[in-house]
Amino acid sequence: MRIDSFHLTKRYLKHLTALSPAKQLKVRETMRLALSDINAPSLRLHELKGEFAGTYSISAGGDLRIHFELLQQDNEFVAVLQSVGTHSQLYG
């Protein structure tokens, strides 16, 4: 799997701006790593199941997760960022 670019949804941006500045920085660092190596072990990439089937999750450190859908447009893979938050915020 690879990611060539990101698309930020309104929901994702709302969740992101609700995070502390330190967590926002961690998310930006995580997204840079995802662009260079989505399979980096620290991201703990996995496909979600159940009500989140068809989306993926990566770790932004600690309890912080980023959910996205992966779309292919021509020869480019676009990660559509759906939400970001702690495990309990996303799954609770």
PDB file of N, CA and C in Angstrom:
ATOM      1  N   MET A   1       0.841  -1.175   0.000  1.00  0.00           N
ATOM      2  CA  MET A   1       0.000   0.000   0.000  1.00  0.00           C
ATOM      3  C   MET A   1       0.888   1.240   0.000  1.00  0.00           C
ATOM      4  N   ARG A   2       0.393   2.275  -0.664  1.00  0.00           N
ATOM      5  CA  ARG A   2       1.098   3.551  -0.642  1.00  0.00           C
ATOM      6  C   ARG A   2       0.084   4.684  -0.619  1.00  0.00           C
ATOM      7  N   ILE A   3       0.533   5.835  -0.172  1.00  0.00           N
ATOM      8  CA  ILE A   3      -0.291   7.041  -0.178  1.00  0.00           C
ATOM      9  C   ILE A   3       0.481   8.117  -0.918  1.00  0.00           C
ATOM     10  N   ASP A   4      -0.174   8.709  -1.922  1.00  0.00           N
ATOM     11  CA  ASP A   4       0.455   9.771  -2.697  1.00  0.00           C
ATOM     12  C   ASP A   4       0.016  11.158  -2.233  1.00  0.00           C
ATOM     13  N   SER A   5      -1.205  11.248  -1.728  1.00  0.00           N
ATOM     14  CA  SER A   5      -1.709  12.546  -1.266  1.00  0.00           C
ATOM     15  C   SER A   5      -2.842  12.334  -0.269  1.00  0.00           C
ATOM     16  N   PHE A   6      -3.257  13.430   0.344  1.00  0.00           N
ATOM     17  CA  PHE A   6      -4.334  13.405   1.319  1.00  0.00           C
ATOM     18  C   PHE A   6      -5.467  14.317   0.881  1.00  0.00           C
ATOM     19  N   HIS A   7      -6.663  13.948   1.270  1.00  0.00           N
ATOM     20  CA  HIS A   7      -7.832  14.819   1.155  1.00  0.00           C
ATOM     21  C   HIS A   7      -8.391  14.939   2.562  1.00  0.00           C
ATOM     22  N   LEU A   8      -8.568  16.156   3.047  1.00  0.00           N
ATOM     23  CA  LEU A   8      -9.042  16.391   4.406  1.00  0.00           C
ATOM     24  C   LEU A   8     -10.540  16.673   4.387  1.00  0.00           C
ATOM     25  N   THR A   9     -11.322  15.841   5.066  1.00  0.00           N
ATOM     26  CA  THR A   9     -12.764  16.086   5.147  1.00  0.00           C
ATOM     27  C   THR A   9     -13.049  17.145   6.210  1.00  0.00           C
ATOM     28  N   LYS A  10     -14.236  17.733   6.144  1.00  0.00           N
ATOM     29  CA  LYS A  10     -14.637  18.725   7.144  1.00  0.00           C
ATOM     30  C   LYS A  10     -14.648  18.108   8.541  1.00  0.00           C
ATOM     31  N   ARG A  11     -15.106  16.885   8.620  1.00  0.00           N
ATOM     32  CA  ARG A  11     -15.151  16.190   9.922  1.00  0.00           C
ATOM     33  C   ARG A  11     -13.748  16.036  10.496  1.00  0.00           C
ATOM     34  N   TYR A  12     -12.811  15.623   9.652  1.00  0.00           N
ATOM     35  CA  TYR A  12     -11.427  15.469  10.094  1.00  0.00           C
ATOM     36  C   TYR A  12     -10.874  16.802  10.598  1.00  0.00           C
ATOM     37  N   LEU A  13     -11.091  17.872   9.845  1.00  0.00           N
ATOM     38  CA  LEU A  13     -10.583  19.189  10.246  1.00  0.00           C
ATOM     39  C   LEU A  13     -11.197  19.647  11.568  1.00  0.00           C
ATOM     40  N   LYS A  14     -12.475  19.356  11.765  1.00  0.00           N
ATOM     41  CA  LYS A  14     -13.135  19.698  13.029  1.00  0.00           C
ATOM     42  C   LYS A  14     -12.481  18.945  14.188  1.00  0.00           C
ATOM     43  N   HIS A  15     -12.243  17.658  14.004  1.00  0.00           N
ATOM     44  CA  HIS A  15     -11.599  16.851  15.045  1.00  0.00           C
ATOM     45  C   HIS A  15     -10.175  17.332  15.302  1.00  0.00           C
ATOM     46  N   LEU A  16      -9.458  17.655  14.228  1.00  0.00           N
ATOM     47  CA  LEU A  16      -8.065  18.084  14.361  1.00  0.00           C
ATOM     48  C   LEU A  16      -7.957  19.382  15.153  1.00  0.00           C
ATOM     49  N   THR A  17      -8.798  20.345  14.847  1.00  0.00           N
ATOM     50  CA  THR A  17      -8.709  21.630  15.538  1.00  0.00           C
ATOM     51  C   THR A  17      -9.136  21.526  17.002  1.00  0.00           C
ATOM     52  N   ALA A  18      -9.845  20.462  17.374  1.00  0.00           N
ATOM     53  CA  ALA A  18     -10.238  20.258  18.774  1.00  0.00           C
ATOM     54  C   ALA A  18      -9.091  19.687  19.613  1.00  0.00           C
ATOM     55  N   LEU A  19      -8.045  19.185  18.941  1.00  0.00           N
ATOM     56  CA  LEU A  19      -6.902  18.614  19.659  1.00  0.00           C
ATOM     57  C   LEU A  19      -5.992  19.714  20.199  1.00  0.00           C
ATOM     58  N   SER A  20      -5.217  19.363  21.192  1.00  0.00           N
ATOM     59  CA  SER A  20      -4.226  20.298  21.731  1.00  0.00           C
ATOM     60  C   SER A  20      -3.165  20.570  20.663  1.00  0.00           C
ATOM     61  N   PRO A  21      -2.463  21.698  20.772  1.00  0.00           N
ATOM     62  CA  PRO A  21      -1.391  21.981  19.806  1.00  0.00           C
ATOM     63  C   PRO A  21      -0.339  20.873  19.743  1.00  0.00           C
ATOM     64  N   ALA A  22      -0.013  20.263  20.864  1.00  0.00           N
ATOM     65  CA  ALA A  22       0.980  19.183  20.874  1.00  0.00           C
ATOM     66  C   ALA A  22       0.478  17.972  20.083  1.00  0.00           C
ATOM     67  N   LYS A  23      -0.806  17.642  20.235  1.00  0.00           N
ATOM     68  CA  LYS A  23      -1.363  16.502  19.493  1.00  0.00           C
ATOM     69  C   LYS A  23      -1.486  16.837  18.009  1.00  0.00           C
ATOM     70  N   GLN A  24      -1.819  18.083  17.692  1.00  0.00           N
ATOM     71  CA  GLN A  24      -1.878  18.492  16.281  1.00  0.00           C
ATOM     72  C   GLN A  24      -0.512  18.333  15.618  1.00  0.00           C
ATOM     73  N   LEU A  25       0.532  18.699  16.330  1.00  0.00           N
ATOM     74  CA  LEU A  25       1.889  18.539  15.816  1.00  0.00           C
ATOM     75  C   LEU A  25       2.193  17.069  15.586  1.00  0.00           C
ATOM     76  N   LYS A  26       1.808  16.216  16.524  1.00  0.00           N
ATOM     77  CA  LYS A  26       2.040  14.780  16.391  1.00  0.00           C
ATOM     78  C   LYS A  26       1.312  14.230  15.161  1.00  0.00           C
ATOM     79  N   VAL A  27       0.107  14.722  14.917  1.00  0.00           N
ATOM     80  CA  VAL A  27      -0.658  14.284  13.746  1.00  0.00           C
ATOM     81  C   VAL A  27       0.060  14.697  12.462  1.00  0.00           C
ATOM     82  N   ARG A  28       0.541  15.940  12.405  1.00  0.00           N
ATOM     83  CA  ARG A  28       1.275  16.397  11.205  1.00  0.00           C
ATOM     84  C   ARG A  28       2.525  15.552  10.968  1.00  0.00           C
ATOM     85  N   GLU A  29       3.261  15.239  12.023  1.00  0.00           N
ATOM     86  CA  GLU A  29       4.455  14.395  11.892  1.00  0.00           C
ATOM     87  C   GLU A  29       4.077  12.999  11.391  1.00  0.00           C
ATOM     88  N   THR A  30       2.972  12.490  11.898  1.00  0.00           N
ATOM     89  CA  THR A  30       2.503  11.169  11.485  1.00  0.00           C
ATOM     90  C   THR A  30       2.122  11.168  10.012  1.00  0.00           C
ATOM     91  N   MET A  31       1.482  12.229   9.540  1.00  0.00           N
ATOM     92  CA  MET A  31       1.078  12.285   8.140  1.00  0.00           C
ATOM     93  C   MET A  31       2.293  12.376   7.219  1.00  0.00           C
ATOM     94  N   ARG A  32       3.332  13.082   7.650  1.00  0.00           N
ATOM     95  CA  ARG A  32       4.572  13.124   6.851  1.00  0.00           C
ATOM     96  C   ARG A  32       5.178  11.726   6.739  1.00  0.00           C
ATOM     97  N   LEU A  33       5.191  10.994   7.849  1.00  0.00           N
ATOM     98  CA  LEU A  33       5.722   9.630   7.820  1.00  0.00           C
ATOM     99  C   LEU A  33       4.863   8.749   6.924  1.00  0.00           C
ATOM    100  N   ALA A  34       3.548   8.896   6.993  1.00  0.00           N
ATOM    101  CA  ALA A  34       2.645   8.083   6.178  1.00  0.00           C
ATOM    102  C   ALA A  34       2.898   8.300   4.686  1.00  0.00           C
ATOM    103  N   LEU A  35       3.215   9.519   4.297  1.00  0.00           N
ATOM    104  CA  LEU A  35       3.523   9.787   2.886  1.00  0.00           C
ATOM    105  C   LEU A  35       4.811   9.105   2.447  1.00  0.00           C
ATOM    106  N   SER A  36       5.779   9.062   3.329  1.00  0.00           N
ATOM    107  CA  SER A  36       7.058   8.467   2.951  1.00  0.00           C
ATOM    108  C   SER A  36       7.067   6.950   3.123  1.00  0.00           C
ATOM    109  N   ASP A  37       6.339   6.428   4.140  1.00  0.00           N
ATOM    110  CA  ASP A  37       6.330   4.976   4.377  1.00  0.00           C
ATOM    111  C   ASP A  37       5.109   4.596   5.200  1.00  0.00           C
ATOM    112  N   ILE A  38       3.987   4.361   4.525  1.00  0.00           N
ATOM    113  CA  ILE A  38       2.748   4.020   5.220  1.00  0.00           C
ATOM    114  C   ILE A  38       2.878   2.710   6.000  1.00  0.00           C
ATOM    115  N   ASN A  39       3.844   1.881   5.635  1.00  0.00           N
ATOM    116  CA  ASN A  39       4.030   0.601   6.323  1.00  0.00           C
ATOM    117  C   ASN A  39       5.017   0.677   7.482  1.00  0.00           C
ATOM    118  N   ALA A  40       5.430   1.876   7.878  1.00  0.00           N
ATOM    119  CA  ALA A  40       6.336   2.023   9.020  1.00  0.00           C
ATOM    120  C   ALA A  40       5.689   1.378  10.251  1.00  0.00           C
ATOM    121  N   PRO A  41       6.432   0.555  10.973  1.00  0.00           N
ATOM    122  CA  PRO A  41       5.848  -0.143  12.130  1.00  0.00           C
ATOM    123  C   PRO A  41       5.197   0.783  13.157  1.00  0.00           C
ATOM    124  N   SER A  42       5.739   1.968  13.350  1.00  0.00           N
ATOM    125  CA  SER A  42       5.191   2.870  14.363  1.00  0.00           C
ATOM    126  C   SER A  42       3.772   3.338  14.026  1.00  0.00           C
ATOM    127  N   LEU A  43       3.376   3.261  12.758  1.00  0.00           N
ATOM    128  CA  LEU A  43       2.032   3.681  12.364  1.00  0.00           C
ATOM    129  C   LEU A  43       0.968   2.642  12.711  1.00  0.00           C
ATOM    130  N   ARG A  44       1.387   1.404  12.837  1.00  0.00           N
ATOM    131  CA  ARG A  44       0.470   0.303  13.188  1.00  0.00           C
ATOM    132  C   ARG A  44      -0.772   0.306  12.284  1.00  0.00           C
ATOM    133  N   LEU A  45      -0.522   0.401  10.976  1.00  0.00           N
ATOM    134  CA  LEU A  45      -1.580   0.424   9.974  1.00  0.00           C
ATOM    135  C   LEU A  45      -2.415  -0.855  10.043  1.00  0.00           C
ATOM    136  N   HIS A  46      -3.731  -0.697  10.060  1.00  0.00           N
ATOM    137  CA  HIS A  46      -4.607  -1.851   9.964  1.00  0.00           C
ATOM    138  C   HIS A  46      -5.961  -1.434   9.396  1.00  0.00           C
ATOM    139  N   GLU A  47      -6.598  -2.407   8.740  1.00  0.00           N
ATOM    140  CA  GLU A  47      -7.928  -2.179   8.194  1.00  0.00           C
ATOM    141  C   GLU A  47      -8.944  -2.391   9.304  1.00  0.00           C
ATOM    142  N   LEU A  48      -9.958  -1.532   9.324  1.00  0.00           N
ATOM    143  CA  LEU A  48     -10.983  -1.619  10.356  1.00  0.00           C
ATOM    144  C   LEU A  48     -12.122  -2.537   9.914  1.00  0.00           C
ATOM    145  N   LYS A  49     -12.888  -2.995  10.898  1.00  0.00           N
ATOM    146  CA  LYS A  49     -14.003  -3.916  10.641  1.00  0.00           C
ATOM    147  C   LYS A  49     -15.284  -3.317  11.205  1.00  0.00           C
ATOM    148  N   GLY A  50     -16.360  -4.055  11.051  1.00  0.00           N
ATOM    149  CA  GLY A  50     -17.640  -3.637  11.616  1.00  0.00           C
ATOM    150  C   GLY A  50     -18.152  -2.363  10.975  1.00  0.00           C
ATOM    151  N   GLU A  51     -18.620  -1.427  11.812  1.00  0.00           N
ATOM    152  CA  GLU A  51     -19.197  -0.194  11.283  1.00  0.00           C
ATOM    153  C   GLU A  51     -18.171   0.660  10.540  1.00  0.00           C
ATOM    154  N   PHE A  52     -16.866   0.396  10.744  1.00  0.00           N
ATOM    155  CA  PHE A  52     -15.799   1.146  10.076  1.00  0.00           C
ATOM    156  C   PHE A  52     -15.187   0.363   8.905  1.00  0.00           C
ATOM    157  N   ALA A  53     -15.830  -0.713   8.481  1.00  0.00           N
ATOM    158  CA  ALA A  53     -15.308  -1.542   7.393  1.00  0.00           C
ATOM    159  C   ALA A  53     -15.045  -0.678   6.161  1.00  0.00           C
ATOM    160  N   GLY A  54     -13.925  -0.939   5.502  1.00  0.00           N
ATOM    161  CA  GLY A  54     -13.550  -0.182   4.310  1.00  0.00           C
ATOM    162  C   GLY A  54     -12.647   0.994   4.616  1.00  0.00           C
ATOM    163  N   THR A  55     -12.356   1.206   5.892  1.00  0.00           N
ATOM    164  CA  THR A  55     -11.441   2.284   6.272  1.00  0.00           C
ATOM    165  C   THR A  55     -10.238   1.691   6.996  1.00  0.00           C
ATOM    166  N   TYR A  56      -9.225   2.523   7.143  1.00  0.00           N
ATOM    167  CA  TYR A  56      -7.980   2.113   7.790  1.00  0.00           C
ATOM    168  C   TYR A  56      -7.705   3.017   8.978  1.00  0.00           C
ATOM    169  N   SER A  57      -6.853   2.540   9.865  1.00  0.00           N
ATOM    170  CA  SER A  57      -6.447   3.318  11.027  1.00  0.00           C
ATOM    171  C   SER A  57      -4.931   3.278  11.140  1.00  0.00           C
ATOM    172  N   ILE A  58      -4.359   4.422  11.515  1.00  0.00           N
ATOM    173  CA  ILE A  58      -2.940   4.466  11.860  1.00  0.00           C
ATOM    174  C   ILE A  58      -2.809   5.163  13.204  1.00  0.00           C
ATOM    175  N   SER A  59      -1.725   4.870  13.878  1.00  0.00           N
ATOM    176  CA  SER A  59      -1.452   5.457  15.180  1.00  0.00           C
ATOM    177  C   SER A  59      -0.618   6.720  15.016  1.00  0.00           C
ATOM    178  N   ALA A  60      -1.015   7.763  15.752  1.00  0.00           N
ATOM    179  CA  ALA A  60      -0.240   9.002  15.772  1.00  0.00           C
ATOM    180  C   ALA A  60       0.478   9.119  17.114  1.00  0.00           C
ATOM    181  N   GLY A  61       0.700   8.001  17.758  1.00  0.00           N
ATOM    182  CA  GLY A  61       1.398   7.976  19.037  1.00  0.00           C
ATOM    183  C   GLY A  61       0.432   7.873  20.197  1.00  0.00           C
ATOM    184  N   GLY A  62       0.812   7.128  21.199  1.00  0.00           N
ATOM    185  CA  GLY A  62      -0.044   6.954  22.359  1.00  0.00           C
ATOM    186  C   GLY A  62      -1.399   6.413  21.959  1.00  0.00           C
ATOM    187  N   ASP A  63      -2.441   7.077  22.406  1.00  0.00           N
ATOM    188  CA  ASP A  63      -3.818   6.648  22.163  1.00  0.00           C
ATOM    189  C   ASP A  63      -4.455   7.375  20.977  1.00  0.00           C
ATOM    190  N   LEU A  64      -3.686   8.127  20.228  1.00  0.00           N
ATOM    191  CA  LEU A  64      -4.208   8.945  19.138  1.00  0.00           C
ATOM    192  C   LEU A  64      -4.242   8.144  17.834  1.00  0.00           C
ATOM    193  N   ARG A  65      -5.411   8.155  17.179  1.00  0.00           N
ATOM    194  CA  ARG A  65      -5.610   7.405  15.939  1.00  0.00           C
ATOM    195  C   ARG A  65      -6.109   8.328  14.829  1.00  0.00           C
ATOM    196  N   ILE A  66      -5.783   7.949  13.588  1.00  0.00           N
ATOM    197  CA  ILE A  66      -6.266   8.648  12.402  1.00  0.00           C
ATOM    198  C   ILE A  66      -6.979   7.617  11.533  1.00  0.00           C
ATOM    199  N   HIS A  67      -8.219   7.905  11.156  1.00  0.00           N
ATOM    200  CA  HIS A  67      -8.988   7.024  10.277  1.00  0.00           C
ATOM    201  C   HIS A  67      -9.019   7.616   8.877  1.00  0.00           C
ATOM    202  N   PHE A  68      -8.864   6.737   7.885  1.00  0.00           N
ATOM    203  CA  PHE A  68      -8.927   7.215   6.503  1.00  0.00           C
ATOM    204  C   PHE A  68      -9.442   6.135   5.581  1.00  0.00           C
ATOM    205  N   GLU A  69      -9.933   6.574   4.443  1.00  0.00           N
ATOM    206  CA  GLU A  69     -10.354   5.709   3.356  1.00  0.00           C
ATOM    207  C   GLU A  69      -9.328   5.887   2.243  1.00  0.00           C
ATOM    208  N   LEU A  70      -8.959   4.814   1.582  1.00  0.00           N
ATOM    209  CA  LEU A  70      -7.977   4.902   0.503  1.00  0.00           C
ATOM    210  C   LEU A  70      -8.680   4.772  -0.840  1.00  0.00           C
ATOM    211  N   LEU A  71      -8.502   5.785  -1.689  1.00  0.00           N
ATOM    212  CA  LEU A  71      -9.095   5.789  -3.025  1.00  0.00           C
ATOM    213  C   LEU A  71      -7.993   5.844  -4.064  1.00  0.00           C
ATOM    214  N   GLN A  72      -8.247   5.199  -5.202  1.00  0.00           N
ATOM    215  CA  GLN A  72      -7.298   5.285  -6.311  1.00  0.00           C
ATOM    216  C   GLN A  72      -7.901   6.162  -7.386  1.00  0.00           C
ATOM    217  N   GLN A  73      -7.184   7.225  -7.748  1.00  0.00           N
ATOM    218  CA  GLN A  73      -7.589   8.120  -8.819  1.00  0.00           C
ATOM    219  C   GLN A  73      -6.481   8.100  -9.859  1.00  0.00           C
ATOM    220  N   ASP A  74      -6.797   7.508 -11.002  1.00  0.00           N
ATOM    221  CA  ASP A  74      -5.791   7.263 -12.039  1.00  0.00           C
ATOM    222  C   ASP A  74      -4.691   6.404 -11.424  1.00  0.00           C
ATOM    223  N   ASN A  75      -3.465   6.882 -11.403  1.00  0.00           N
ATOM    224  CA  ASN A  75      -2.364   6.110 -10.816  1.00  0.00           C
ATOM    225  C   ASN A  75      -1.955   6.625  -9.446  1.00  0.00           C
ATOM    226  N   GLU A  76      -2.810   7.442  -8.836  1.00  0.00           N
ATOM    227  CA  GLU A  76      -2.484   8.027  -7.543  1.00  0.00           C
ATOM    228  C   GLU A  76      -3.406   7.468  -6.455  1.00  0.00           C
ATOM    229  N   PHE A  77      -2.827   7.217  -5.277  1.00  0.00           N
ATOM    230  CA  PHE A  77      -3.591   6.737  -4.135  1.00  0.00           C
ATOM    231  C   PHE A  77      -3.803   7.905  -3.174  1.00  0.00           C
ATOM    232  N   VAL A  78      -5.078   8.217  -2.929  1.00  0.00           N
ATOM    233  CA  VAL A  78      -5.449   9.352  -2.092  1.00  0.00           C
ATOM    234  C   VAL A  78      -6.043   8.832  -0.787  1.00  0.00           C
ATOM    235  N   ALA A  79      -5.486   9.263   0.326  1.00  0.00           N
ATOM    236  CA  ALA A  79      -6.039   8.942   1.638  1.00  0.00           C
ATOM    237  C   ALA A  79      -7.033  10.035   2.000  1.00  0.00           C
ATOM    238  N   VAL A  80      -8.288   9.662   2.102  1.00  0.00           N
ATOM    239  CA  VAL A  80      -9.337  10.606   2.487  1.00  0.00           C
ATOM    240  C   VAL A  80      -9.448  10.520   4.011  1.00  0.00           C
ATOM    241  N   LEU A  81      -8.932  11.545   4.682  1.00  0.00           N
ATOM    242  CA  LEU A  81      -8.876  11.532   6.140  1.00  0.00           C
ATOM    243  C   LEU A  81     -10.269  11.793   6.700  1.00  0.00           C
ATOM    244  N   GLN A  82     -10.772  10.819   7.462  1.00  0.00           N
ATOM    245  CA  GLN A  82     -12.140  10.865   7.965  1.00  0.00           C
ATOM    246  C   GLN A  82     -12.248  11.444   9.372  1.00  0.00           C
ATOM    247  N   SER A  83     -11.351  11.021  10.265  1.00  0.00           N
ATOM    248  CA  SER A  83     -11.426  11.467  11.655  1.00  0.00           C
ATOM    249  C   SER A  83     -10.096  11.249  12.350  1.00  0.00           C
ATOM    250  N   VAL A  84      -9.924  11.972  13.462  1.00  0.00           N
ATOM    251  CA  VAL A  84      -8.722  11.840  14.277  1.00  0.00           C
ATOM    252  C   VAL A  84      -9.133  12.050  15.725  1.00  0.00           C
ATOM    253  N   GLY A  85      -8.581  11.237  16.604  1.00  0.00           N
ATOM    254  CA  GLY A  85      -8.893  11.375  18.022  1.00  0.00           C
ATOM    255  C   GLY A  85      -8.357  10.206  18.809  1.00  0.00           C
ATOM    256  N   THR A  86      -8.676  10.200  20.087  1.00  0.00           N
ATOM    257  CA  THR A  86      -8.246   9.090  20.929  1.00  0.00           C
ATOM    258  C   THR A  86      -9.098   7.865  20.627  1.00  0.00           C
ATOM    259  N   HIS A  87      -8.629   6.743  21.098  1.00  0.00           N
ATOM    260  CA  HIS A  87      -9.354   5.487  20.891  1.00  0.00           C
ATOM    261  C   HIS A  87     -10.789   5.615  21.406  1.00  0.00           C
ATOM    262  N   SER A  88     -10.973   6.160  22.585  1.00  0.00           N
ATOM    263  CA  SER A  88     -12.329   6.260  23.144  1.00  0.00           C
ATOM    264  C   SER A  88     -13.186   7.270  22.372  1.00  0.00           C
ATOM    265  N   GLN A  89     -12.599   8.323  21.829  1.00  0.00           N
ATOM    266  CA  GLN A  89     -13.374   9.291  21.045  1.00  0.00           C
ATOM    267  C   GLN A  89     -13.853   8.669  19.740  1.00  0.00           C
ATOM    268  N   LEU A  90     -13.027   7.856  19.118  1.00  0.00           N
ATOM    269  CA  LEU A  90     -13.371   7.283  17.821  1.00  0.00           C
ATOM    270  C   LEU A  90     -14.236   6.043  17.931  1.00  0.00           C
ATOM    271  N   TYR A  91     -14.020   5.242  18.955  1.00  0.00           N
ATOM    272  CA  TYR A  91     -14.740   3.970  19.068  1.00  0.00           C
ATOM    273  C   TYR A  91     -15.769   3.954  20.185  1.00  0.00           C
ATOM    274  N   GLY A  92     -15.809   5.008  21.010  1.00  0.00           N
ATOM    275  CA  GLY A  92     -16.696   5.033  22.175  1.00  0.00           C
ATOM    276  C   GLY A  92     -18.058   5.410  21.835  1.00  0.00           C
TER     277      GLY A  92
END
